[in-house]
Amino acid sequence: MDEQKRQKIITYIHNQMAEYGISIERLAEALAEKEKNIKPILFRDAYGNVWDGEGEMPNWLRRAVYAGQSVEHFRVRVKK
């Protein structure tokens, strides 16, 4: 992205924040709260489907298991 386009976007965002009364501090708080509530992804397939392991197993994973694939095949490995 070129610098002129970047500056236009920044100006637009500043104007929107001013119009709606959103401060930088409040925006930072909202982003921090959102990050705190994000659950880690435990399962992922090659098509980008994900599941956090909570609730009912999603259809994409249920179909794979029914077809004979192990659930563990889709588990996200955390690199240390």
C-alpha atoms as a PDB file:
ATOM      1  CA  MET A   1       0.000   0.000   0.000  1.00  0.00           C
ATOM      2  CA  ASP A   2       1.435   3.350  -0.901  1.00  0.00           C
ATOM      3  CA  GLU A   3       1.922   6.038   1.734  1.00  0.00           C
ATOM      4  CA  GLN A   4      -0.714   8.408   0.318  1.00  0.00           C
ATOM      5  CA  LYS A   5      -3.401   5.722   0.435  1.00  0.00           C
ATOM      6  CA  ARG A   6      -2.316   4.755   3.958  1.00  0.00           C
ATOM      7  CA  GLN A   7      -2.623   8.351   5.146  1.00  0.00           C
ATOM      8  CA  LYS A   8      -6.114   8.641   3.644  1.00  0.00           C
ATOM      9  CA  ILE A   9      -7.216   5.537   5.499  1.00  0.00           C
ATOM     10  CA  ILE A  10      -5.744   6.810   8.763  1.00  0.00           C
ATOM     11  CA  THR A  11      -7.528  10.151   8.315  1.00  0.00           C
ATOM     12  CA  TYR A  12     -10.809   8.361   7.616  1.00  0.00           C
ATOM     13  CA  ILE A  13     -10.442   6.232  10.754  1.00  0.00           C
ATOM     14  CA  HIS A  14      -9.620   9.293  12.885  1.00  0.00           C
ATOM     15  CA  ASN A  15     -12.691  11.092  11.510  1.00  0.00           C
ATOM     16  CA  GLN A  16     -14.937   8.110  12.249  1.00  0.00           C
ATOM     17  CA  MET A  17     -13.574   7.822  15.770  1.00  0.00           C
ATOM     18  CA  ALA A  18     -14.191  11.528  16.365  1.00  0.00           C
ATOM     19  CA  GLU A  19     -17.716  11.310  14.927  1.00  0.00           C
ATOM     20  CA  TYR A  20     -18.646   8.411  17.219  1.00  0.00           C
ATOM     21  CA  GLY A  21     -16.709   9.621  20.260  1.00  0.00           C
ATOM     22  CA  ILE A  22     -14.254   6.725  20.347  1.00  0.00           C
ATOM     23  CA  SER A  23     -10.934   7.421  22.053  1.00  0.00           C
ATOM     24  CA  ILE A  24      -7.689   5.570  21.418  1.00  0.00           C
ATOM     25  CA  GLU A  25      -7.816   4.324  25.021  1.00  0.00           C
ATOM     26  CA  ARG A  26     -11.340   2.926  24.625  1.00  0.00           C
ATOM     27  CA  LEU A  27     -10.387   1.269  21.351  1.00  0.00           C
ATOM     28  CA  ALA A  28      -7.346  -0.344  23.005  1.00  0.00           C
ATOM     29  CA  GLU A  29      -9.542  -1.584  25.880  1.00  0.00           C
ATOM     30  CA  ALA A  30     -12.057  -3.101  23.465  1.00  0.00           C
ATOM     31  CA  LEU A  31      -9.314  -4.851  21.487  1.00  0.00           C
ATOM     32  CA  ALA A  32      -7.710  -6.204  24.670  1.00  0.00           C
ATOM     33  CA  GLU A  33     -11.098  -7.511  25.864  1.00  0.00           C
ATOM     34  CA  LYS A  34     -11.710  -9.209  22.521  1.00  0.00           C
ATOM     35  CA  GLU A  35      -8.293 -10.892  22.608  1.00  0.00           C
ATOM     36  CA  LYS A  36      -8.943 -12.112  26.142  1.00  0.00           C
ATOM     37  CA  ASN A  37     -12.155 -13.846  25.006  1.00  0.00           C
ATOM     38  CA  ILE A  38     -10.699 -15.581  21.949  1.00  0.00           C
ATOM     39  CA  LYS A  39     -10.587 -19.340  22.413  1.00  0.00           C
ATOM     40  CA  PRO A  40      -7.665 -21.230  20.931  1.00  0.00           C
ATOM     41  CA  ILE A  41      -8.261 -23.290  17.815  1.00  0.00           C
ATOM     42  CA  LEU A  42      -7.803 -26.965  18.596  1.00  0.00           C
ATOM     43  CA  PHE A  43      -8.746 -28.536  15.250  1.00  0.00           C
ATOM     44  CA  ARG A  44      -8.243 -27.364  11.655  1.00  0.00           C
ATOM     45  CA  ASP A  45      -8.612 -28.918   8.213  1.00  0.00           C
ATOM     46  CA  ALA A  46      -6.882 -28.146   4.921  1.00  0.00           C
ATOM     47  CA  TYR A  47      -9.781 -25.926   3.839  1.00  0.00           C
ATOM     48  CA  GLY A  48      -9.474 -23.558   6.795  1.00  0.00           C
ATOM     49  CA  ASN A  49     -12.379 -24.946   8.819  1.00  0.00           C
ATOM     50  CA  VAL A  50     -11.661 -24.671  12.541  1.00  0.00           C
ATOM     51  CA  TRP A  51     -13.133 -25.834  15.837  1.00  0.00           C
ATOM     52  CA  ASP A  52     -12.245 -24.832  19.390  1.00  0.00           C
ATOM     53  CA  GLY A  53     -13.356 -28.200  20.763  1.00  0.00           C
ATOM     54  CA  GLU A  54     -16.381 -26.792  22.585  1.00  0.00           C
ATOM     55  CA  GLY A  55     -19.950 -27.649  21.814  1.00  0.00           C
ATOM     56  CA  GLU A  56     -21.132 -30.039  19.160  1.00  0.00           C
ATOM     57  CA  MET A  57     -18.584 -31.363  16.690  1.00  0.00           C
ATOM     58  CA  PRO A  58     -18.893 -29.366  13.436  1.00  0.00           C
ATOM     59  CA  ASN A  59     -20.182 -31.038  10.288  1.00  0.00           C
ATOM     60  CA  TRP A  60     -16.836 -30.871   8.447  1.00  0.00           C
ATOM     61  CA  LEU A  61     -15.142 -32.846  11.235  1.00  0.00           C
ATOM     62  CA  ARG A  62     -18.056 -35.217  11.738  1.00  0.00           C
ATOM     63  CA  ARG A  63     -17.967 -36.110   8.017  1.00  0.00           C
ATOM     64  CA  ALA A  64     -14.216 -36.748   8.146  1.00  0.00           C
ATOM     65  CA  VAL A  65     -14.557 -39.011  11.186  1.00  0.00           C
ATOM     66  CA  TYR A  66     -17.448 -40.868   9.569  1.00  0.00           C
ATOM     67  CA  ALA A  67     -15.234 -41.402   6.512  1.00  0.00           C
ATOM     68  CA  GLY A  68     -12.628 -43.062   8.741  1.00  0.00           C
ATOM     69  CA  GLN A  69     -10.268 -40.210   9.596  1.00  0.00           C
ATOM     70  CA  SER A  70      -9.106 -39.808  13.191  1.00  0.00           C
ATOM     71  CA  VAL A  71     -10.075 -36.633  15.031  1.00  0.00           C
ATOM     72  CA  GLU A  72      -6.442 -36.394  16.144  1.00  0.00           C
ATOM     73  CA  HIS A  73      -5.380 -35.973  12.517  1.00  0.00           C
ATOM     74  CA  PHE A  74      -6.962 -32.502  12.637  1.00  0.00           C
ATOM     75  CA  ARG A  75      -5.561 -31.438  16.009  1.00  0.00           C
ATOM     76  CA  VAL A  76      -3.501 -28.241  15.840  1.00  0.00           C
ATOM     77  CA  ARG A  77       0.026 -28.872  17.041  1.00  0.00           C
ATOM     78  CA  VAL A  78       1.522 -26.071  19.088  1.00  0.00           C
ATOM     79  CA  LYS A  79       5.175 -25.435  18.268  1.00  0.00           C
ATOM     80  CA  LYS A  80       7.370 -24.663  21.242  1.00  0.00           C
END
